[in-house]
Amino acid sequence: MLELDIEVPRRRFSVAVAFNVGVGERFALFGPSGAGKTTVLEAVAGLVSPQRGSVSLAGQILWAKADGRRASIQVPPWQRGVALLRQEPSLFPHLSVQGNLTYSRRSGAADLDRLVGMLELEGLLDARPSDLSGGQAHRVALARALASDCRALLLDEPYAGLDVALRRQVTALVRDEVGRRAVPAVLVSHELTEAQAFADKLGIIDDGRLLQVGTPHEVVLHPASRRVAEVVGYQGFVTLNGVIIGVHPERVRLGAHPRLGPVLNGRLVRARPAGSGFEADLSVGDAELTCRLQAGIGSPGATVEITVIDPPLFRPDGSVVSQHPKVLA
């Protein structure tokens, strides 16, 4: 198990988080750029020193410090047994792809061959890093991390430069490897769909604080605060009967369906194709909402009736309230 409770000073704020990741479990940290996600990984890997707290892995304390004192335990990065894949692949430039993949590796050849095949690296084994595209270099770095004899896997935006199909394939591969090798894994991402596809548990981080932890489904459908709702994609907030309704673009249905949630009337501001349907911006009171719909809804200025499906409700201070009969009426 990976366990941490740390505080790391940064220029604008301190990153103060506490969570644990079980054996074979996948934890995703999701939040906006600059929220402190990478700092958490660097603290686990030993690349930054927290101001206080502790980090332990598989029962071994990697770092520990009491407030105002020097670290009582500080295992150097190269002795932690942690594989960190950063946004920049950082391959050894003097080694071929094959040499990078086999560097300090202890797993069997068949295992490496499987990773090479899954990540479509067969024709690149003799190439040098300078000959690779950004996406190819990322795949090599990922294969090297997965082939290493690590006790924890840390992934910092690991899908950069990969197309959509390969992202799905790589996500499935990493999920399988984490379970097969029974190691804790932490991914950081500012793409919600990537974090959800990867994670058993999803943590929402903003300005260095962990705002909510839960299953990927639970966090999105039941955000613990208005700020969490904003971070996970709720793009409109409408005040009705004294409470604030959070509107997610994908949780809207055309027409009045009061058994599903509150019914709102608005005016169409603009609409545009989006995938197989349409994305529409509606003016509702003082708010502007974005909705993803399966059918067109007329021209700008048209009156539109929508139902917001089982929305989260908030007080003016951003805290959550339970469903209110008057809102749903």
Protein backbone atom coordinates (compact mmCIF):
# COMPACT_ATOMS: atom_id res chain seq x y z
CA MET A 1 0.00 0.00 0.00
CA LEU A 2 1.08 3.57 -0.73
CA GLU A 3 0.23 5.99 2.09
CA LEU A 4 0.97 9.69 2.25
CA ASP A 5 0.05 12.68 4.37
CA ILE A 6 2.18 15.61 3.23
CA GLU A 7 2.42 19.36 2.94
CA VAL A 8 4.71 20.85 0.28
CA PRO A 9 5.15 24.65 0.11
CA ARG A 10 4.73 26.27 -3.29
CA ARG A 11 4.81 29.87 -4.45
CA ARG A 12 1.04 30.56 -4.37
CA PHE A 13 -0.11 27.90 -1.89
CA SER A 14 0.94 24.73 -0.09
CA VAL A 15 0.01 21.32 -1.46
CA ALA A 16 -1.49 19.51 1.54
CA VAL A 17 -3.00 16.10 0.77
CA ALA A 18 -3.54 12.78 2.50
CA PHE A 19 -4.69 9.54 0.85
CA ASN A 20 -3.73 5.90 0.41
CA VAL A 21 -3.66 3.55 -2.58
CA GLY A 22 -4.02 -0.17 -2.02
CA VAL A 23 -2.14 -3.05 -3.64
CA GLY A 24 -3.26 -3.30 -7.25
CA GLU A 25 -5.43 -0.20 -6.88
CA ARG A 26 -5.52 2.69 -9.35
CA PHE A 27 -5.92 6.22 -7.98
CA ALA A 28 -6.33 9.24 -10.27
CA LEU A 29 -5.73 12.84 -9.23
CA PHE A 30 -7.77 15.18 -11.39
CA GLY A 31 -7.77 18.95 -11.35
CA PRO A 32 -6.90 22.07 -13.33
CA SER A 33 -3.37 22.92 -14.43
CA GLY A 34 -1.29 24.21 -11.54
CA ALA A 35 -3.45 22.55 -8.87
CA GLY A 36 -0.54 20.60 -7.35
CA LYS A 37 -0.97 17.21 -9.02
CA THR A 38 2.63 16.79 -10.20
CA THR A 39 3.97 18.00 -6.84
CA VAL A 40 2.25 15.04 -5.16
CA LEU A 41 3.98 12.57 -7.49
CA GLU A 42 7.33 14.28 -7.00
CA ALA A 43 6.98 14.00 -3.22
CA VAL A 44 6.30 10.26 -3.47
CA ALA A 45 9.24 9.78 -5.84
CA GLY A 46 11.57 11.80 -3.59
CA LEU A 47 12.15 14.69 -6.00
CA VAL A 48 10.76 17.34 -3.63
CA SER A 49 10.86 17.49 0.16
CA PRO A 50 7.61 18.13 2.03
CA GLN A 51 7.49 20.61 4.88
CA ARG A 52 5.83 18.03 7.10
CA GLY A 53 4.20 14.61 6.99
CA SER A 54 5.16 11.13 5.86
CA VAL A 55 5.26 8.86 2.83
CA SER A 56 5.30 5.06 3.11
CA LEU A 57 5.21 2.24 0.58
CA ALA A 58 4.63 -1.46 1.27
CA GLY A 59 5.15 -0.84 4.99
CA GLN A 60 8.45 1.02 4.52
CA ILE A 61 8.65 4.69 5.51
CA LEU A 62 10.19 6.58 2.60
CA TRP A 63 10.03 10.03 4.14
CA ALA A 64 8.97 11.37 7.52
CA LYS A 65 9.33 14.71 9.25
CA ALA A 66 7.83 16.39 12.28
CA ASP A 67 6.90 20.08 12.10
CA GLY A 68 9.95 22.34 12.30
CA ARG A 69 12.47 19.49 12.36
CA ARG A 70 14.80 17.87 9.89
CA ALA A 71 13.57 14.75 8.13
CA SER A 72 13.90 11.79 10.47
CA ILE A 73 13.71 9.36 7.54
CA GLN A 74 14.60 10.22 3.94
CA VAL A 75 15.09 7.36 1.48
CA PRO A 76 16.82 8.63 -1.69
CA PRO A 77 14.81 8.49 -4.93
CA TRP A 78 16.84 5.68 -6.49
CA GLN A 79 16.16 3.40 -3.51
CA ARG A 80 12.40 3.89 -3.33
CA GLY A 81 11.33 1.34 -5.93
CA VAL A 82 9.05 3.89 -7.59
CA ALA A 83 8.61 4.22 -11.36
CA LEU A 84 7.70 7.79 -12.35
CA LEU A 85 6.63 8.57 -15.91
CA ARG A 86 6.78 12.34 -16.32
CA GLN A 87 5.30 14.56 -19.02
CA GLU A 88 8.76 14.69 -20.61
CA PRO A 89 9.83 11.09 -21.37
CA SER A 90 13.51 11.63 -20.30
CA LEU A 91 14.93 8.71 -22.26
CA PHE A 92 18.67 8.03 -22.17
CA PRO A 93 19.87 9.70 -25.39
CA HIS A 94 22.96 7.47 -25.80
CA LEU A 95 20.91 4.24 -25.69
CA SER A 96 18.69 2.70 -28.33
CA VAL A 97 15.02 2.06 -27.63
CA GLN A 98 15.98 -1.54 -26.77
CA GLY A 99 18.65 -0.27 -24.38
CA ASN A 100 16.23 2.10 -22.69
CA LEU A 101 13.67 -0.68 -22.25
CA THR A 102 16.15 -3.12 -20.69
CA TYR A 103 17.89 -0.60 -18.43
CA SER A 104 17.76 -1.91 -14.82
CA ARG A 105 14.97 -4.29 -15.79
CA ARG A 106 14.42 -7.66 -14.14
CA SER A 107 11.25 -8.99 -15.79
CA GLY A 108 11.37 -11.74 -18.38
CA ALA A 109 11.93 -11.31 -22.12
CA ALA A 110 8.45 -12.60 -22.93
CA ASP A 111 6.96 -9.93 -20.70
CA LEU A 112 8.94 -7.19 -22.47
CA ASP A 113 7.97 -8.57 -25.89
CA ARG A 114 4.32 -8.31 -24.87
CA LEU A 115 4.72 -4.67 -23.84
CA VAL A 116 6.57 -3.87 -27.07
CA GLY A 117 3.75 -5.40 -29.09
CA MET A 118 0.97 -3.70 -27.15
CA LEU A 119 2.63 -0.29 -27.49
CA GLU A 120 3.49 -0.80 -31.18
CA LEU A 121 7.25 -0.43 -30.71
CA GLU A 122 8.44 -3.41 -32.76
CA GLY A 123 10.01 -1.38 -35.56
CA LEU A 124 11.69 1.12 -33.24
CA LEU A 125 13.96 -1.05 -31.07
CA ASP A 126 17.17 -0.01 -32.85
CA ALA A 127 16.26 3.70 -33.03
CA ARG A 128 17.75 6.39 -30.79
CA PRO A 129 15.50 8.76 -28.81
CA SER A 130 16.44 11.63 -31.15
CA ASP A 131 14.83 9.70 -34.01
CA LEU A 132 11.46 9.31 -32.26
CA SER A 133 8.35 11.45 -32.43
CA GLY A 134 6.89 12.78 -29.18
CA GLY A 135 4.24 10.08 -29.10
CA GLN A 136 6.76 7.33 -29.81
CA ALA A 137 9.07 8.58 -27.05
CA HIS A 138 6.15 8.56 -24.61
CA ARG A 139 5.31 4.96 -25.51
CA VAL A 140 8.92 3.91 -24.96
CA ALA A 141 9.01 5.66 -21.58
CA LEU A 142 5.75 3.98 -20.58
CA ALA A 143 7.05 0.55 -21.62
CA ARG A 144 10.24 1.17 -19.62
CA ALA A 145 8.21 2.11 -16.54
CA LEU A 146 5.96 -0.95 -16.85
CA ALA A 147 8.95 -3.25 -17.40
CA SER A 148 10.81 -1.98 -14.33
CA ASP A 149 10.91 -3.79 -11.02
CA CYS A 150 8.90 -1.09 -9.25
CA ARG A 151 6.76 -1.24 -6.13
CA ALA A 152 4.59 1.71 -7.19
CA LEU A 153 3.75 3.24 -10.56
CA LEU A 154 3.33 7.02 -10.90
CA LEU A 155 2.01 8.45 -14.18
CA ASP A 156 2.08 12.18 -14.97
CA GLU A 157 -0.09 12.89 -18.05
CA PRO A 158 1.08 9.63 -19.69
CA TYR A 159 -1.01 9.89 -22.88
CA ALA A 160 0.59 12.99 -24.42
CA GLY A 161 1.03 12.59 -28.16
CA LEU A 162 -1.17 9.48 -28.42
CA ASP A 163 -4.25 9.28 -30.64
CA VAL A 164 -7.64 8.34 -29.18
CA ALA A 165 -7.50 4.66 -30.17
CA LEU A 166 -4.01 4.20 -28.74
CA ARG A 167 -5.01 6.02 -25.53
CA ARG A 168 -7.75 3.44 -24.97
CA GLN A 169 -5.32 0.61 -25.67
CA VAL A 170 -2.68 2.04 -23.34
CA THR A 171 -5.24 2.61 -20.57
CA ALA A 172 -6.35 -1.02 -20.79
CA LEU A 173 -2.71 -2.16 -20.75
CA VAL A 174 -1.82 -0.12 -17.67
CA ARG A 175 -4.95 -1.25 -15.82
CA ASP A 176 -4.08 -4.90 -16.55
CA GLU A 177 -0.41 -4.44 -15.55
CA VAL A 178 -1.26 -2.77 -12.25
CA GLY A 179 -3.59 -5.62 -11.35
CA ARG A 180 -1.24 -8.34 -12.58
CA ARG A 181 1.76 -6.97 -10.68
CA ALA A 182 -0.27 -5.95 -7.61
CA VAL A 183 1.31 -2.50 -7.24
CA PRO A 184 -0.39 0.75 -6.27
CA ALA A 185 -0.65 3.22 -9.16
CA VAL A 186 -1.33 6.97 -9.22
CA LEU A 187 -2.18 8.89 -12.37
CA VAL A 188 -2.46 12.67 -12.61
CA SER A 189 -4.45 14.22 -15.42
CA HIS A 190 -6.34 17.35 -16.39
CA GLU A 191 -8.52 15.27 -18.74
CA LEU A 192 -11.50 13.88 -16.83
CA THR A 193 -12.28 11.06 -19.27
CA GLU A 194 -8.70 9.76 -18.97
CA ALA A 195 -8.83 9.88 -15.18
CA GLN A 196 -12.21 8.09 -15.08
CA ALA A 197 -11.10 5.37 -17.51
CA PHE A 198 -8.03 4.65 -15.41
CA ALA A 199 -9.19 4.92 -11.83
CA ASP A 200 -10.74 2.79 -9.11
CA LYS A 201 -10.73 5.96 -6.99
CA LEU A 202 -10.81 9.54 -8.22
CA GLY A 203 -9.47 12.45 -6.19
CA ILE A 204 -10.32 16.06 -7.06
CA ILE A 205 -7.50 18.50 -6.28
CA ASP A 206 -7.59 22.29 -6.55
CA ASP A 207 -5.14 24.87 -5.19
CA GLY A 208 -3.25 22.13 -3.36
CA ARG A 209 -6.26 20.71 -1.50
CA LEU A 210 -7.94 17.36 -1.99
CA LEU A 211 -11.60 18.34 -2.21
CA GLN A 212 -13.25 14.93 -2.69
CA VAL A 213 -12.31 11.25 -3.12
CA GLY A 214 -14.69 8.59 -4.39
CA THR A 215 -15.46 6.35 -7.32
CA PRO A 216 -15.23 8.12 -10.70
CA HIS A 217 -19.00 7.79 -11.13
CA GLU A 218 -19.85 9.04 -7.63
CA VAL A 219 -17.62 12.11 -7.76
CA VAL A 220 -19.10 13.36 -11.04
CA LEU A 221 -22.74 12.67 -10.22
CA HIS A 222 -22.54 13.73 -6.57
CA PRO A 223 -19.92 16.47 -6.22
CA ALA A 224 -19.21 17.41 -2.61
CA SER A 225 -19.22 21.16 -3.28
CA ARG A 226 -19.90 23.68 -6.02
CA ARG A 227 -16.15 23.96 -6.66
CA VAL A 228 -15.91 20.20 -7.24
CA ALA A 229 -18.85 20.47 -9.63
CA GLU A 230 -17.08 23.22 -11.56
CA VAL A 231 -13.87 21.18 -11.79
CA VAL A 232 -15.62 18.02 -13.08
CA GLY A 233 -17.54 19.82 -15.84
CA TYR A 234 -20.75 21.39 -14.56
CA GLN A 235 -21.00 24.44 -16.80
CA GLY A 236 -24.05 26.24 -15.50
CA PHE A 237 -25.63 27.13 -12.15
CA VAL A 238 -29.22 28.33 -11.89
CA THR A 239 -30.91 29.62 -8.73
CA LEU A 240 -34.41 28.18 -8.23
CA ASN A 241 -36.57 28.24 -5.09
CA GLY A 242 -33.67 29.38 -2.95
CA VAL A 243 -31.10 26.78 -4.01
CA ILE A 244 -28.53 26.62 -6.79
CA ILE A 245 -28.89 23.86 -9.38
CA GLY A 246 -25.73 22.47 -10.97
CA VAL A 247 -26.23 21.74 -14.67
CA HIS A 248 -23.91 19.28 -16.42
CA PRO A 249 -24.02 19.45 -20.24
CA GLU A 250 -24.64 15.70 -20.50
CA ARG A 251 -27.34 15.54 -17.79
CA VAL A 252 -30.04 17.44 -19.68
CA ARG A 253 -33.12 16.22 -21.57
CA LEU A 254 -35.33 18.22 -23.90
CA GLY A 255 -38.89 18.82 -22.69
CA ALA A 256 -40.56 18.60 -19.30
CA HIS A 257 -39.84 15.40 -17.33
CA PRO A 258 -40.42 16.47 -13.72
CA ARG A 259 -39.94 12.95 -12.37
CA LEU A 260 -36.30 13.13 -13.53
CA GLY A 261 -35.46 16.56 -12.13
CA PRO A 262 -36.25 20.28 -12.24
CA VAL A 263 -37.68 21.74 -15.43
CA LEU A 264 -36.18 24.98 -16.73
CA ASN A 265 -37.23 27.36 -19.50
CA GLY A 266 -34.61 29.24 -21.42
CA ARG A 267 -33.76 30.99 -24.65
CA LEU A 268 -31.45 29.52 -27.28
CA VAL A 269 -28.35 31.67 -27.68
CA ARG A 270 -26.40 29.51 -30.14
CA ALA A 271 -26.07 25.90 -31.27
CA ARG A 272 -23.39 23.88 -33.06
CA PRO A 273 -22.82 20.27 -34.14
CA ALA A 274 -21.04 18.12 -31.55
CA GLY A 275 -20.32 14.50 -32.47
CA SER A 276 -23.56 12.79 -33.40
CA GLY A 277 -25.70 15.50 -31.79
CA PHE A 278 -25.63 19.19 -30.95
CA GLU A 279 -24.21 21.46 -28.29
CA ALA A 280 -26.47 24.37 -27.35
CA ASP A 281 -25.96 27.43 -25.17
CA LEU A 282 -29.13 28.49 -23.36
CA SER A 283 -29.87 31.66 -21.42
CA VAL A 284 -31.82 30.79 -18.26
CA GLY A 285 -32.42 33.77 -15.99
CA ASP A 286 -29.03 35.34 -15.30
CA ALA A 287 -27.14 32.14 -16.21
CA GLU A 288 -25.92 30.69 -19.48
CA LEU A 289 -25.98 26.89 -19.71
CA THR A 290 -24.28 24.53 -22.14
CA CYS A 291 -26.27 21.40 -23.05
CA ARG A 292 -25.44 18.44 -25.26
CA LEU A 293 -28.54 17.22 -27.07
CA GLN A 294 -29.36 14.60 -29.66
CA ALA A 295 -31.60 16.84 -31.76
CA GLY A 296 -31.57 20.41 -33.02
CA ILE A 297 -33.75 22.91 -31.14
CA GLY A 298 -34.41 25.70 -33.58
CA SER A 299 -32.85 29.07 -34.26
CA PRO A 300 -31.26 31.56 -31.85
CA GLY A 301 -33.91 33.27 -29.77
CA ALA A 302 -36.21 30.22 -29.64
CA THR A 303 -37.75 29.28 -26.30
CA VAL A 304 -36.46 25.91 -25.03
CA GLU A 305 -37.76 23.72 -22.20
CA ILE A 306 -35.29 21.32 -20.61
CA THR A 307 -35.16 18.93 -17.67
CA VAL A 308 -31.98 18.77 -15.58
CA ILE A 309 -31.56 15.12 -14.55
CA ASP A 310 -31.07 14.56 -10.79
CA PRO A 311 -28.79 17.60 -10.34
CA PRO A 312 -26.64 18.44 -7.32
CA LEU A 313 -28.01 21.35 -5.28
CA PHE A 314 -25.90 23.94 -3.48
CA ARG A 315 -26.26 26.72 -0.96
CA PRO A 316 -24.95 30.18 -1.87
CA ASP A 317 -21.73 29.38 0.03
CA GLY A 318 -21.09 26.42 -2.33
CA SER A 319 -21.91 23.63 0.13
CA VAL A 320 -24.26 20.79 -0.83
CA VAL A 321 -27.91 20.56 0.18
CA SER A 322 -30.14 17.52 -0.14
CA GLN A 323 -32.86 17.32 -2.78
CA HIS A 324 -35.67 19.77 -2.06
CA PRO A 325 -39.28 18.96 -3.06
CA LYS A 326 -39.95 22.51 -4.23
CA VAL A 327 -37.01 22.37 -6.62
CA LEU A 328 -38.21 19.13 -8.18
CA ALA A 329 -41.84 20.23 -8.43
